[in-house]
Amino acid sequence: NRLRLTSRGTLRPCLLHNYERDILTPLREGATDQDLKQIIVETLEKKPAFHNLNNRSVKDIPISHMTSIGG
């Protein structure tokens, strides 16, 4: 039910997946509100319906420090 904004300026739709979308570069380059909305919508569309944690091996879960992923 949320997106994470990482310390690197990327949006991350799920803590348990590696997908990230850069939003810092468009902000720095003067993206319009509509451009930013499109980035957010596209990132939300990548968000899985379920994390499926019970069916995943611990070794398959990406390792990230919470301070870098907005946790």
C-alpha atoms as a PDB file:
ATOM      1  CA  ASN A   1       0.000   0.000   0.000  1.00  0.00           C
ATOM      2  CA  ARG A   2       3.019   2.326  -0.352  1.00  0.00           C
ATOM      3  CA  LEU A   3       6.012   3.271  -2.439  1.00  0.00           C
ATOM      4  CA  ARG A   4       9.415   3.899  -0.930  1.00  0.00           C
ATOM      5  CA  LEU A   5      11.592   6.826  -1.923  1.00  0.00           C
ATOM      6  CA  THR A   6      15.187   5.690  -1.519  1.00  0.00           C
ATOM      7  CA  SER A   7      18.088   7.858  -0.426  1.00  0.00           C
ATOM      8  CA  ARG A   8      19.398   7.548  -3.995  1.00  0.00           C
ATOM      9  CA  GLY A   9      16.296   9.212  -5.442  1.00  0.00           C
ATOM     10  CA  THR A  10      14.547   6.134  -6.763  1.00  0.00           C
ATOM     11  CA  LEU A  11      11.037   4.861  -6.141  1.00  0.00           C
ATOM     12  CA  ARG A  12      10.758   1.296  -4.950  1.00  0.00           C
ATOM     13  CA  PRO A  13       7.325  -0.373  -5.106  1.00  0.00           C
ATOM     14  CA  CYS A  14       8.176  -3.344  -2.893  1.00  0.00           C
ATOM     15  CA  LEU A  15      10.828  -3.987  -0.258  1.00  0.00           C
ATOM     16  CA  LEU A  16      11.193  -7.592  -1.379  1.00  0.00           C
ATOM     17  CA  HIS A  17      11.977  -6.876  -5.036  1.00  0.00           C
ATOM     18  CA  ASN A  18      14.910  -5.172  -6.714  1.00  0.00           C
ATOM     19  CA  TYR A  19      12.909  -2.994  -9.125  1.00  0.00           C
ATOM     20  CA  GLU A  20      13.547   0.730  -8.652  1.00  0.00           C
ATOM     21  CA  ARG A  21      12.581   3.712 -10.821  1.00  0.00           C
ATOM     22  CA  ASP A  22      14.715   6.850 -10.949  1.00  0.00           C
ATOM     23  CA  ILE A  23      12.774   9.978 -10.060  1.00  0.00           C
ATOM     24  CA  LEU A  24      15.678  12.213  -9.005  1.00  0.00           C
ATOM     25  CA  THR A  25      17.025  12.735 -12.525  1.00  0.00           C
ATOM     26  CA  PRO A  26      13.667  13.860 -13.955  1.00  0.00           C
ATOM     27  CA  LEU A  27      13.209  16.199 -10.974  1.00  0.00           C
ATOM     28  CA  ARG A  28      16.624  17.740 -11.558  1.00  0.00           C
ATOM     29  CA  GLU A  29      15.922  18.081 -15.271  1.00  0.00           C
ATOM     30  CA  GLY A  30      12.698  20.024 -14.693  1.00  0.00           C
ATOM     31  CA  ALA A  31      10.083  17.326 -15.247  1.00  0.00           C
ATOM     32  CA  THR A  32       6.503  18.536 -15.242  1.00  0.00           C
ATOM     33  CA  ASP A  33       3.970  17.402 -12.669  1.00  0.00           C
ATOM     34  CA  GLN A  34       2.437  15.210 -15.374  1.00  0.00           C
ATOM     35  CA  ASP A  35       5.839  13.603 -16.089  1.00  0.00           C
ATOM     36  CA  LEU A  36       6.305  12.856 -12.391  1.00  0.00           C
ATOM     37  CA  LYS A  37       2.777  11.493 -12.103  1.00  0.00           C
ATOM     38  CA  GLN A  38       3.486   9.147 -15.012  1.00  0.00           C
ATOM     39  CA  ILE A  39       6.656   7.866 -13.308  1.00  0.00           C
ATOM     40  CA  ILE A  40       4.729   7.246 -10.091  1.00  0.00           C
ATOM     41  CA  VAL A  41       1.872   5.472 -11.903  1.00  0.00           C
ATOM     42  CA  GLU A  42       4.304   3.276 -13.853  1.00  0.00           C
ATOM     43  CA  THR A  43       6.097   2.390 -10.618  1.00  0.00           C
ATOM     44  CA  LEU A  44       2.815   1.528  -8.911  1.00  0.00           C
ATOM     45  CA  GLU A  45       1.961  -0.757 -11.822  1.00  0.00           C
ATOM     46  CA  LYS A  46       5.126  -2.756 -11.027  1.00  0.00           C
ATOM     47  CA  LYS A  47       3.985  -3.323  -7.446  1.00  0.00           C
ATOM     48  CA  PRO A  48       3.134  -6.997  -6.938  1.00  0.00           C
ATOM     49  CA  ALA A  49      -0.270  -7.855  -5.501  1.00  0.00           C
ATOM     50  CA  PHE A  50       1.397 -10.117  -2.928  1.00  0.00           C
ATOM     51  CA  HIS A  51       4.909 -10.419  -1.593  1.00  0.00           C
ATOM     52  CA  ASN A  52       4.697 -14.230  -1.590  1.00  0.00           C
ATOM     53  CA  LEU A  53       7.186 -14.300   1.283  1.00  0.00           C
ATOM     54  CA  ASN A  54       5.980 -17.668   2.556  1.00  0.00           C
ATOM     55  CA  ASN A  55       6.902 -19.331  -0.752  1.00  0.00           C
ATOM     56  CA  ARG A  56      10.322 -17.728  -1.210  1.00  0.00           C
ATOM     57  CA  SER A  57      13.673 -18.863   0.001  1.00  0.00           C
ATOM     58  CA  VAL A  58      15.523 -16.411   2.241  1.00  0.00           C
ATOM     59  CA  LYS A  59      18.396 -16.446  -0.258  1.00  0.00           C
ATOM     60  CA  ASP A  60      16.034 -15.081  -2.955  1.00  0.00           C
ATOM     61  CA  ILE A  61      15.151 -11.958  -0.967  1.00  0.00           C
ATOM     62  CA  PRO A  62      17.224  -8.913  -1.944  1.00  0.00           C
ATOM     63  CA  ILE A  63      19.501  -7.572   0.762  1.00  0.00           C
ATOM     64  CA  SER A  64      19.208  -3.828   1.289  1.00  0.00           C
ATOM     65  CA  HIS A  65      19.820  -1.605   4.275  1.00  0.00           C
ATOM     66  CA  MET A  66      16.598  -0.045   5.514  1.00  0.00           C
ATOM     67  CA  THR A  67      18.234   3.398   5.670  1.00  0.00           C
ATOM     68  CA  SER A  68      18.797   3.277   1.917  1.00  0.00           C
ATOM     69  CA  ILE A  69      15.264   2.198   0.983  1.00  0.00           C
ATOM     70  CA  GLY A  70      13.151   4.469   3.145  1.00  0.00           C
ATOM     71  CA  GLY A  71      12.444   1.958   5.895  1.00  0.00           C
END
